[in-house]
N, C-alpha and C. Protein backbone atom coordinates (compact mmCIF):
# COMPACT_ATOMS: atom_id res chain seq x y z
N GLU A 1 -55.18 42.86 26.82
CA GLU A 1 -53.76 42.62 26.87
C GLU A 1 -53.20 41.89 25.66
N LYS A 2 -52.20 42.76 25.11
CA LYS A 2 -51.39 41.98 23.70
C LYS A 2 -50.20 41.47 24.04
N THR A 3 -50.16 40.42 23.28
CA THR A 3 -48.73 39.35 23.40
C THR A 3 -48.07 39.49 22.17
N VAL A 4 -46.87 40.01 22.36
CA VAL A 4 -45.95 40.18 21.07
C VAL A 4 -44.75 38.98 21.11
N ILE A 5 -44.95 38.25 19.66
CA ILE A 5 -44.10 37.15 19.91
C ILE A 5 -43.10 37.41 18.92
N VAL A 6 -41.78 37.46 19.00
CA VAL A 6 -40.90 37.82 18.08
C VAL A 6 -39.87 36.44 17.62
N LEU A 7 -39.89 36.27 16.51
CA LEU A 7 -39.10 35.07 15.98
C LEU A 7 -38.03 35.40 15.55
N GLU A 8 -36.98 34.83 15.94
CA GLU A 8 -35.96 35.21 15.09
C GLU A 8 -35.38 33.80 14.44
N THR A 9 -34.89 33.92 13.23
CA THR A 9 -34.20 32.66 12.55
C THR A 9 -32.71 32.86 12.85
N ILE A 10 -32.24 31.60 13.57
CA ILE A 10 -30.88 31.58 13.41
C ILE A 10 -30.39 30.34 12.57
N SER A 11 -29.52 30.84 11.90
CA SER A 11 -29.08 29.65 11.07
C SER A 11 -27.70 28.87 11.47
N ALA A 12 -27.98 27.62 11.94
CA ALA A 12 -26.95 26.79 12.78
C ALA A 12 -25.86 26.75 11.83
N PRO A 13 -24.49 27.08 12.03
CA PRO A 13 -23.47 26.55 11.28
C PRO A 13 -23.30 25.16 11.45
N PRO A 14 -23.15 24.77 9.76
CA PRO A 14 -22.83 23.01 9.63
C PRO A 14 -21.60 22.76 10.47
N THR A 15 -21.73 21.53 10.97
CA THR A 15 -20.43 20.69 11.44
C THR A 15 -19.74 20.41 10.28
N ALA A 16 -18.23 20.60 10.63
CA ALA A 16 -17.27 20.51 9.36
C ALA A 16 -17.18 18.85 8.89
N ILE A 17 -16.82 18.43 7.91
CA ILE A 17 -16.95 17.23 7.38
C ILE A 17 -15.35 16.86 7.37
N ASP A 18 -14.82 15.74 7.77
CA ASP A 18 -13.74 15.22 7.82
C ASP A 18 -13.42 14.01 6.74
N MET A 19 -13.21 14.34 5.54
CA MET A 19 -12.82 13.17 4.81
C MET A 19 -11.26 12.60 5.01
N GLY A 20 -10.55 13.23 5.64
CA GLY A 20 -9.35 12.76 5.90
C GLY A 20 -8.23 13.81 5.26
N THR A 21 -7.05 13.20 5.32
CA THR A 21 -6.13 14.14 4.52
C THR A 21 -5.63 13.58 3.17
N ASP A 22 -5.05 14.46 2.08
CA ASP A 22 -4.97 14.13 1.01
C ASP A 22 -3.94 12.74 0.93
N THR A 23 -4.11 11.71 0.08
CA THR A 23 -3.34 10.73 0.12
C THR A 23 -3.16 10.30 -1.20
N THR A 24 -2.57 8.90 -1.30
CA THR A 24 -2.11 8.61 -2.60
C THR A 24 -2.37 6.72 -2.32
N VAL A 25 -3.12 6.18 -3.39
CA VAL A 25 -3.71 4.96 -3.23
C VAL A 25 -3.32 4.25 -4.43
N CYS A 26 -3.54 2.79 -4.33
CA CYS A 26 -3.70 2.09 -5.36
C CYS A 26 -4.71 2.16 -6.39
N PRO A 27 -4.69 2.31 -7.66
CA PRO A 27 -5.78 2.36 -8.44
C PRO A 27 -6.80 1.25 -8.26
N ASN A 28 -6.45 0.08 -7.90
CA ASN A 28 -7.44 -1.06 -7.75
C ASN A 28 -7.98 -1.44 -6.38
N ASP A 29 -7.52 -0.34 -5.47
CA ASP A 29 -7.43 -0.82 -4.04
C ASP A 29 -9.36 -0.50 -3.63
N GLY A 30 -10.25 -0.09 -4.32
CA GLY A 30 -11.69 0.38 -4.37
C GLY A 30 -11.61 1.51 -3.20
N PHE A 31 -10.78 2.73 -3.35
CA PHE A 31 -10.74 3.49 -2.58
C PHE A 31 -12.09 4.21 -2.40
N VAL A 32 -12.86 4.82 -1.46
CA VAL A 32 -13.89 5.36 -1.14
C VAL A 32 -13.88 6.58 -0.23
N LEU A 33 -14.47 7.77 -0.73
CA LEU A 33 -14.16 8.88 0.17
C LEU A 33 -15.80 9.00 0.78
N ASP A 34 -15.78 8.81 2.13
CA ASP A 34 -17.08 9.03 3.04
C ASP A 34 -17.40 10.25 3.82
N ALA A 35 -18.36 11.20 3.17
CA ALA A 35 -18.78 12.42 3.94
C ALA A 35 -19.89 12.40 4.68
N THR A 36 -20.14 11.35 5.20
CA THR A 36 -21.17 10.98 6.32
C THR A 36 -21.15 11.95 7.39
N ASN A 37 -22.33 12.55 7.47
CA ASN A 37 -22.27 13.36 8.75
C ASN A 37 -23.85 13.58 9.04
N PRO A 38 -23.98 13.13 10.47
CA PRO A 38 -25.39 12.99 10.93
C PRO A 38 -26.60 14.18 10.83
N GLU A 39 -25.78 15.45 10.59
CA GLU A 39 -26.56 16.54 10.65
C GLU A 39 -26.81 16.75 8.94
N ALA A 40 -26.34 16.22 7.99
CA ALA A 40 -26.59 16.51 6.63
C ALA A 40 -28.13 16.19 6.28
N THR A 41 -28.55 17.10 5.50
CA THR A 41 -29.83 16.71 5.01
C THR A 41 -29.62 16.49 3.33
N SER A 42 -28.48 16.98 2.96
CA SER A 42 -28.58 16.45 1.38
C SER A 42 -26.53 16.58 1.00
N TYR A 43 -26.06 15.98 0.04
CA TYR A 43 -24.73 15.92 -0.33
C TYR A 43 -24.70 16.31 -1.91
N GLU A 44 -23.72 16.97 -2.32
CA GLU A 44 -23.21 17.14 -3.58
C GLU A 44 -21.82 17.53 -3.86
N TRP A 45 -21.64 16.34 -4.75
CA TRP A 45 -20.06 16.18 -4.95
C TRP A 45 -19.78 17.01 -6.29
N GLN A 46 -18.47 17.19 -6.39
CA GLN A 46 -18.18 18.13 -7.58
C GLN A 46 -18.62 17.69 -9.00
N ASN A 47 -18.87 16.36 -8.88
CA ASN A 47 -19.19 15.76 -10.19
C ASN A 47 -20.92 15.78 -10.24
N GLY A 48 -21.36 16.27 -9.34
CA GLY A 48 -22.90 16.45 -9.39
C GLY A 48 -23.78 15.23 -8.73
N GLY A 49 -22.97 14.09 -8.15
CA GLY A 49 -23.44 13.25 -7.61
C GLY A 49 -23.96 13.50 -6.37
N THR A 50 -24.95 12.93 -5.63
CA THR A 50 -25.46 13.12 -4.43
C THR A 50 -25.42 12.06 -3.29
N VAL A 51 -24.43 11.34 -3.54
CA VAL A 51 -24.33 10.23 -2.20
C VAL A 51 -23.40 10.85 -1.12
N GLN A 52 -23.57 10.04 -0.05
CA GLN A 52 -22.74 9.99 0.92
C GLN A 52 -21.40 9.73 0.90
N ALA A 53 -21.39 8.53 0.40
CA ALA A 53 -19.90 8.30 -0.05
C ALA A 53 -19.56 7.93 -1.45
N LEU A 54 -18.49 8.38 -2.08
CA LEU A 54 -18.14 8.29 -3.39
C LEU A 54 -16.97 7.46 -3.51
N GLN A 55 -16.87 6.55 -4.76
CA GLN A 55 -15.78 5.84 -5.34
C GLN A 55 -14.81 6.56 -6.02
N VAL A 56 -13.78 6.51 -5.61
CA VAL A 56 -12.87 7.01 -6.31
C VAL A 56 -12.18 6.35 -7.47
N THR A 57 -12.39 6.77 -8.67
CA THR A 57 -11.82 6.14 -9.82
C THR A 57 -10.91 6.56 -10.58
N GLU A 58 -10.44 7.68 -10.33
CA GLU A 58 -9.44 8.23 -10.99
C GLU A 58 -8.75 9.32 -9.90
N PRO A 59 -7.23 9.61 -10.23
CA PRO A 59 -6.60 10.79 -9.14
C PRO A 59 -7.24 12.24 -9.29
N GLY A 60 -7.28 13.07 -8.48
CA GLY A 60 -7.74 14.52 -8.44
C GLY A 60 -8.37 14.89 -7.19
N THR A 61 -8.87 15.99 -7.24
CA THR A 61 -9.09 16.65 -6.12
C THR A 61 -10.75 16.34 -6.03
N TYR A 62 -11.22 16.11 -4.95
CA TYR A 62 -12.54 15.63 -4.84
C TYR A 62 -12.89 16.51 -3.89
N SER A 63 -14.62 17.05 -4.09
CA SER A 63 -15.01 18.24 -3.10
C SER A 63 -16.49 17.69 -2.98
N VAL A 64 -16.99 18.11 -1.81
CA VAL A 64 -18.39 17.61 -1.61
C VAL A 64 -18.96 18.87 -0.66
N THR A 65 -19.99 19.12 -0.82
CA THR A 65 -20.72 20.14 -0.27
C THR A 65 -22.06 19.52 0.34
N TRP A 66 -22.33 19.77 1.81
CA TRP A 66 -23.53 19.16 2.21
C TRP A 66 -24.17 20.39 2.98
N GLU A 67 -25.58 20.08 3.20
CA GLU A 67 -26.50 20.91 3.59
C GLU A 67 -27.22 20.52 4.70
N ASN A 68 -27.34 21.43 5.82
CA ASN A 68 -28.14 20.84 7.22
C ASN A 68 -29.56 21.25 7.28
N VAL A 69 -30.24 20.91 8.23
CA VAL A 69 -31.66 21.30 8.15
C VAL A 69 -32.35 22.75 8.15
N CYS A 70 -31.12 23.61 8.65
CA CYS A 70 -31.32 24.98 8.62
C CYS A 70 -30.91 25.53 6.98
N GLY A 71 -30.62 24.63 6.45
CA GLY A 71 -30.03 25.34 5.02
C GLY A 71 -28.66 25.80 5.11
N SER A 72 -27.79 25.57 6.07
CA SER A 72 -26.33 26.00 5.97
C SER A 72 -25.90 25.24 5.01
N THR A 73 -24.68 25.51 4.53
CA THR A 73 -23.44 24.45 3.74
C THR A 73 -22.35 24.90 4.18
N THR A 74 -21.61 23.64 3.94
CA THR A 74 -20.24 23.61 4.21
C THR A 74 -19.54 22.78 3.28
N SER A 75 -18.22 22.86 3.08
CA SER A 75 -17.56 22.21 1.80
C SER A 75 -16.20 21.42 2.39
N GLU A 76 -16.05 20.60 1.95
CA GLU A 76 -14.22 19.80 2.40
C GLU A 76 -13.93 19.15 0.90
N GLU A 77 -12.63 19.46 0.67
CA GLU A 77 -12.10 18.88 -0.27
C GLU A 77 -10.83 17.92 -0.07
N VAL A 78 -10.53 16.98 -0.70
CA VAL A 78 -9.15 16.10 -0.50
C VAL A 78 -8.88 15.57 -1.74
N THR A 79 -7.20 15.67 -2.05
CA THR A 79 -6.69 15.53 -3.07
C THR A 79 -6.40 13.71 -3.06
N ILE A 80 -6.69 13.07 -4.17
CA ILE A 80 -6.48 11.76 -4.05
C ILE A 80 -5.32 11.51 -5.32
N GLY A 81 -4.20 10.76 -4.97
CA GLY A 81 -3.47 10.60 -6.01
C GLY A 81 -3.11 9.16 -6.29
N PHE A 82 -2.81 8.78 -7.28
CA PHE A 82 -2.65 7.26 -7.70
C PHE A 82 -1.17 6.77 -8.10
N ILE A 83 -0.81 5.66 -7.49
CA ILE A 83 0.65 5.19 -7.65
C ILE A 83 0.63 3.88 -8.37
N ASP A 84 1.61 3.51 -9.36
CA ASP A 84 1.71 2.21 -9.88
C ASP A 84 1.86 1.06 -8.72
N CYS A 85 0.84 0.37 -8.63
CA CYS A 85 1.08 -0.71 -7.62
C CYS A 85 1.14 -2.17 -8.42
N SER A 86 1.58 -2.35 -9.32
CA SER A 86 1.97 -3.46 -10.19
C SER A 86 2.83 -4.17 -9.38
N CYS A 87 3.06 -5.63 -9.28
CA CYS A 87 4.06 -6.08 -8.53
C CYS A 87 5.53 -5.58 -8.80
N VAL A 88 6.03 -5.64 -7.52
CA VAL A 88 7.72 -5.32 -7.69
C VAL A 88 8.22 -6.42 -7.07
N ILE A 89 9.16 -7.08 -7.48
CA ILE A 89 10.04 -7.94 -6.99
C ILE A 89 11.46 -7.56 -7.36
N GLU A 90 12.28 -7.30 -6.06
CA GLU A 90 13.65 -6.90 -6.32
C GLU A 90 14.63 -7.90 -5.64
N LYS A 91 15.69 -8.33 -6.63
CA LYS A 91 16.41 -9.37 -6.19
C LYS A 91 18.01 -8.96 -5.96
N PRO A 92 18.43 -8.63 -4.66
CA PRO A 92 19.55 -7.93 -4.53
C PRO A 92 20.83 -8.64 -5.26
N SER A 93 21.65 -7.97 -5.75
CA SER A 93 22.83 -8.74 -6.19
C SER A 93 24.11 -8.92 -5.28
N ALA A 94 24.03 -8.34 -4.00
CA ALA A 94 25.27 -8.65 -3.14
C ALA A 94 24.72 -8.22 -1.74
N PHE A 95 25.28 -9.21 -0.97
CA PHE A 95 25.08 -8.90 0.62
C PHE A 95 26.29 -8.93 1.60
N THR A 96 26.39 -8.50 2.88
CA THR A 96 27.50 -8.68 3.50
C THR A 96 27.22 -8.91 4.92
N PRO A 97 27.06 -10.40 5.22
CA PRO A 97 26.81 -10.71 6.56
C PRO A 97 27.74 -10.61 7.50
N ASP A 98 28.40 -9.50 7.85
CA ASP A 98 29.70 -9.62 8.43
C ASP A 98 29.21 -8.98 10.08
N GLY A 99 27.93 -8.88 10.25
CA GLY A 99 27.84 -8.69 11.65
C GLY A 99 27.65 -7.28 12.09
N ASP A 100 27.68 -6.29 11.02
CA ASP A 100 27.46 -4.74 11.43
C ASP A 100 26.06 -4.19 11.37
N GLY A 101 25.15 -5.24 10.96
CA GLY A 101 23.72 -4.96 11.19
C GLY A 101 23.13 -4.30 9.74
N ASN A 102 24.03 -4.23 8.73
CA ASN A 102 23.24 -3.70 7.44
C ASN A 102 23.68 -4.82 6.41
N ASN A 103 22.75 -5.04 5.57
CA ASN A 103 22.83 -5.88 4.72
C ASN A 103 23.15 -7.20 4.86
N GLU A 104 22.47 -7.81 6.34
CA GLU A 104 23.20 -8.94 6.72
C GLU A 104 22.48 -10.37 5.99
N THR A 105 21.44 -10.22 5.35
CA THR A 105 20.82 -11.39 4.57
C THR A 105 20.35 -11.02 3.08
N PHE A 106 20.53 -12.28 2.24
CA PHE A 106 19.99 -12.10 1.06
C PHE A 106 18.56 -12.46 1.05
N ARG A 107 17.73 -11.57 0.64
CA ARG A 107 16.18 -11.73 0.62
C ARG A 107 15.54 -11.11 -0.51
N ILE A 108 14.58 -11.92 -1.14
CA ILE A 108 13.85 -11.27 -2.21
C ILE A 108 12.80 -10.48 -1.60
N LEU A 109 12.89 -9.08 -2.05
CA LEU A 109 11.97 -8.12 -1.66
C LEU A 109 10.74 -7.94 -2.67
N TYR A 110 9.54 -7.94 -1.93
CA TYR A 110 8.35 -7.93 -3.01
C TYR A 110 7.43 -6.88 -2.61
N GLN A 111 6.61 -6.21 -3.34
CA GLN A 111 5.49 -5.62 -2.72
C GLN A 111 4.48 -5.33 -3.62
N TYR A 112 2.85 -5.28 -3.35
CA TYR A 112 1.67 -5.22 -4.20
C TYR A 112 1.60 -6.63 -4.58
N CYS A 113 2.19 -7.65 -4.21
CA CYS A 113 1.71 -9.17 -4.89
C CYS A 113 2.20 -10.00 -3.85
N PRO A 114 1.16 -11.29 -3.75
CA PRO A 114 1.61 -12.40 -3.15
C PRO A 114 2.60 -13.31 -4.03
N LEU A 115 3.32 -13.80 -3.53
CA LEU A 115 4.31 -14.77 -4.17
C LEU A 115 3.92 -16.16 -3.78
N ASP A 116 2.97 -16.99 -4.47
CA ASP A 116 2.46 -18.18 -4.02
C ASP A 116 3.41 -19.26 -4.34
N ASP A 117 3.37 -20.48 -3.99
CA ASP A 117 4.23 -21.57 -4.29
C ASP A 117 5.47 -21.14 -4.41
N PHE A 118 6.19 -20.24 -3.34
CA PHE A 118 7.56 -19.73 -3.57
C PHE A 118 8.42 -20.76 -3.22
N HIS A 119 9.69 -20.62 -3.90
CA HIS A 119 10.70 -21.59 -3.55
C HIS A 119 11.95 -21.05 -3.89
N LEU A 120 12.97 -20.82 -3.24
CA LEU A 120 14.37 -20.32 -3.60
C LEU A 120 15.53 -21.48 -2.96
N TYR A 121 16.40 -21.13 -4.03
CA TYR A 121 17.57 -21.91 -4.01
C TYR A 121 18.73 -21.12 -3.88
N VAL A 122 19.67 -21.32 -3.19
CA VAL A 122 20.96 -20.53 -3.46
C VAL A 122 22.13 -21.94 -3.40
N PHE A 123 22.88 -21.70 -4.70
CA PHE A 123 23.86 -22.78 -4.98
C PHE A 123 25.43 -22.03 -4.61
N ASP A 124 26.33 -22.84 -4.44
CA ASP A 124 27.56 -22.44 -4.46
C ASP A 124 28.32 -22.67 -6.04
N ARG A 125 29.48 -22.27 -6.26
CA ARG A 125 29.75 -22.47 -7.60
C ARG A 125 30.20 -23.75 -8.20
N TRP A 126 29.89 -24.95 -7.31
CA TRP A 126 29.76 -26.43 -7.71
C TRP A 126 28.26 -26.92 -8.14
N GLY A 127 27.39 -26.06 -7.73
CA GLY A 127 25.95 -26.33 -7.95
C GLY A 127 25.32 -26.84 -6.70
N ARG A 128 26.19 -27.16 -5.49
CA ARG A 128 25.58 -27.53 -4.33
C ARG A 128 24.83 -26.72 -3.67
N ILE A 129 23.39 -27.08 -3.01
CA ILE A 129 22.42 -26.11 -2.78
C ILE A 129 23.19 -25.61 -1.16
N VAL A 130 23.28 -24.49 -0.99
CA VAL A 130 23.57 -24.23 0.37
C VAL A 130 22.51 -23.16 1.21
N PHE A 131 21.48 -23.19 0.34
CA PHE A 131 20.35 -22.35 1.19
C PHE A 131 19.00 -22.74 0.18
N GLU A 132 17.83 -22.90 1.01
CA GLU A 132 16.73 -23.55 0.50
C GLU A 132 15.54 -23.00 1.29
N SER A 133 14.70 -22.15 0.79
CA SER A 133 13.47 -21.55 1.45
C SER A 133 12.29 -21.74 0.82
N LEU A 134 11.13 -21.86 1.45
CA LEU A 134 9.78 -21.85 0.96
C LEU A 134 8.90 -20.66 1.15
N ASP A 135 9.65 -19.70 2.02
CA ASP A 135 9.10 -18.55 2.65
C ASP A 135 9.72 -17.22 1.68
N PRO A 136 9.05 -16.66 1.41
CA PRO A 136 9.74 -15.46 0.43
C PRO A 136 10.10 -14.49 1.71
N ASP A 137 9.84 -14.43 3.06
CA ASP A 137 10.33 -13.32 3.77
C ASP A 137 11.49 -13.76 4.50
N GLN A 138 11.87 -15.25 4.26
CA GLN A 138 13.07 -15.74 5.02
C GLN A 138 14.26 -15.48 4.16
N GLY A 139 15.39 -14.78 4.49
CA GLY A 139 16.55 -14.75 4.10
C GLY A 139 17.40 -15.46 4.17
N TRP A 140 18.64 -15.58 3.43
CA TRP A 140 19.93 -16.38 3.69
C TRP A 140 21.05 -15.60 4.40
N ASN A 141 21.41 -15.85 5.49
CA ASN A 141 22.33 -15.19 6.36
C ASN A 141 24.08 -15.70 5.68
N GLY A 142 24.40 -16.57 4.88
CA GLY A 142 25.53 -16.66 4.33
C GLY A 142 26.22 -17.66 4.92
N THR A 143 25.16 -18.83 5.71
CA THR A 143 25.81 -20.00 6.20
C THR A 143 25.22 -20.92 5.57
N ASP A 144 26.07 -22.03 5.86
CA ASP A 144 25.74 -23.43 5.08
C ASP A 144 25.70 -24.66 6.36
N LYS A 145 24.69 -25.13 6.73
CA LYS A 145 24.61 -26.01 7.93
C LYS A 145 25.40 -25.19 9.30
N GLY A 146 25.05 -24.13 9.28
CA GLY A 146 25.52 -23.29 10.66
C GLY A 146 27.01 -22.80 10.64
N LYS A 147 27.75 -22.78 9.33
CA LYS A 147 29.01 -22.22 9.02
C LYS A 147 28.91 -21.49 8.26
N ASP A 148 29.56 -20.28 8.55
CA ASP A 148 29.82 -19.20 7.44
C ASP A 148 30.50 -19.80 6.24
N VAL A 149 29.83 -19.33 5.02
CA VAL A 149 30.52 -19.86 3.86
C VAL A 149 31.40 -18.77 3.33
N PRO A 150 32.40 -18.79 2.37
CA PRO A 150 33.48 -17.57 1.94
C PRO A 150 32.75 -16.55 1.29
N SER A 151 33.47 -15.59 1.06
CA SER A 151 33.05 -14.41 -0.03
C SER A 151 33.27 -15.15 -1.46
N ASP A 152 32.32 -15.23 -2.10
CA ASP A 152 32.26 -15.65 -3.26
C ASP A 152 31.14 -15.26 -4.16
N VAL A 153 31.05 -15.48 -5.53
CA VAL A 153 29.86 -15.45 -6.33
C VAL A 153 28.85 -16.86 -6.15
N TYR A 154 27.55 -16.53 -5.78
CA TYR A 154 26.66 -17.75 -5.49
C TYR A 154 25.37 -17.54 -6.67
N LEU A 155 25.03 -18.43 -6.99
CA LEU A 155 23.83 -18.50 -7.96
C LEU A 155 22.54 -18.75 -7.32
N TRP A 156 21.43 -18.09 -7.48
CA TRP A 156 20.19 -18.37 -6.86
C TRP A 156 19.18 -18.76 -7.92
N ARG A 157 17.94 -19.37 -7.54
CA ARG A 157 16.79 -19.75 -8.46
C ARG A 157 15.68 -19.69 -7.63
N MET A 158 14.46 -19.05 -8.31
CA MET A 158 13.55 -18.58 -7.72
C MET A 158 12.29 -18.99 -8.55
N THR A 159 11.38 -19.64 -7.95
CA THR A 159 10.17 -19.89 -8.54
C THR A 159 9.06 -19.75 -7.84
N TYR A 160 7.64 -19.27 -8.34
CA TYR A 160 6.82 -18.84 -7.60
C TYR A 160 5.41 -18.68 -8.47
N ARG A 161 4.33 -18.53 -7.78
CA ARG A 161 3.10 -18.37 -9.01
C ARG A 161 2.56 -17.11 -8.24
N GLN A 162 2.15 -16.20 -9.33
CA GLN A 162 1.29 -15.06 -9.05
C GLN A 162 0.13 -14.93 -9.97
N ASP A 163 -1.04 -14.65 -9.69
CA ASP A 163 -2.18 -14.64 -10.28
C ASP A 163 -2.54 -15.88 -11.06
N GLY A 164 -1.95 -17.23 -10.54
CA GLY A 164 -1.91 -18.25 -11.27
C GLY A 164 -1.12 -18.77 -11.92
N GLN A 165 -0.12 -17.93 -12.56
CA GLN A 165 0.90 -17.82 -13.47
C GLN A 165 2.11 -18.25 -12.85
N PHE A 166 2.92 -19.28 -13.30
CA PHE A 166 4.16 -19.79 -13.12
C PHE A 166 5.50 -19.01 -13.43
N PHE A 167 6.19 -18.55 -12.51
CA PHE A 167 7.69 -17.72 -12.91
C PHE A 167 8.64 -18.36 -12.23
N GLN A 168 9.87 -18.33 -13.21
CA GLN A 168 11.02 -18.93 -12.63
C GLN A 168 12.09 -17.81 -12.93
N GLU A 169 12.68 -17.44 -12.05
CA GLU A 169 13.75 -16.37 -12.37
C GLU A 169 15.26 -17.06 -11.74
N HIS A 170 16.27 -16.39 -12.16
CA HIS A 170 17.56 -16.89 -11.56
C HIS A 170 18.66 -15.47 -11.92
N GLY A 171 19.71 -15.63 -10.91
CA GLY A 171 20.92 -14.86 -11.13
C GLY A 171 21.95 -14.96 -10.15
N GLU A 172 22.90 -14.05 -10.23
CA GLU A 172 24.18 -14.15 -9.60
C GLU A 172 23.94 -13.36 -8.14
N LEU A 173 24.77 -13.89 -7.42
CA LEU A 173 24.82 -13.30 -5.85
C LEU A 173 25.97 -13.05 -5.34
N THR A 174 26.63 -11.86 -5.04
CA THR A 174 28.19 -11.98 -4.54
C THR A 174 27.66 -11.78 -2.99
N LEU A 175 28.47 -12.48 -2.09
CA LEU A 175 28.54 -12.52 -1.09
C LEU A 175 30.03 -11.76 -0.45
N ILE A 176 29.72 -10.90 0.20
CA ILE A 176 31.22 -10.04 0.62
C ILE A 176 31.44 -10.29 2.14
N ARG A 177 32.49 -10.52 2.60
CA ARG A 177 32.61 -10.55 4.19
C ARG A 177 33.82 -9.56 4.57
């Protein structure tokens, strides 16, 4: 009696890689694309790299192809953009603490940088301090000792350290009631 064995090779389709959606990051954030997949036996990025995770060093479209044990391949690509993440500090020139819920406080707005040793003073026209704060997230609500101050032009002075360097800035602020 003869036994016939039939072998059929089935190439298993690889599982997709999910590197996330297109995104925009700060250049110095150390952004890494991770294509790790437990079924992968090899990886190849568009730059010829063969690692599972790739450090993003410049903006662009990054693609990776990986192969599974059956020799099947799949690819994924994602576009990474860079934005300017240098320190942004905005100092409003006016505010309206009138209870309508809009623009109620004078506050220094900052992004992408810590403001260390922060100190903010607001002075009336005679040089008297009407507000003082050591917290950059605390704003002035237009009061002095719990009482509303009148519509007027006030002066502010701010000092802070950033990356070890000392900064001092000043300006005018219009309070409108």
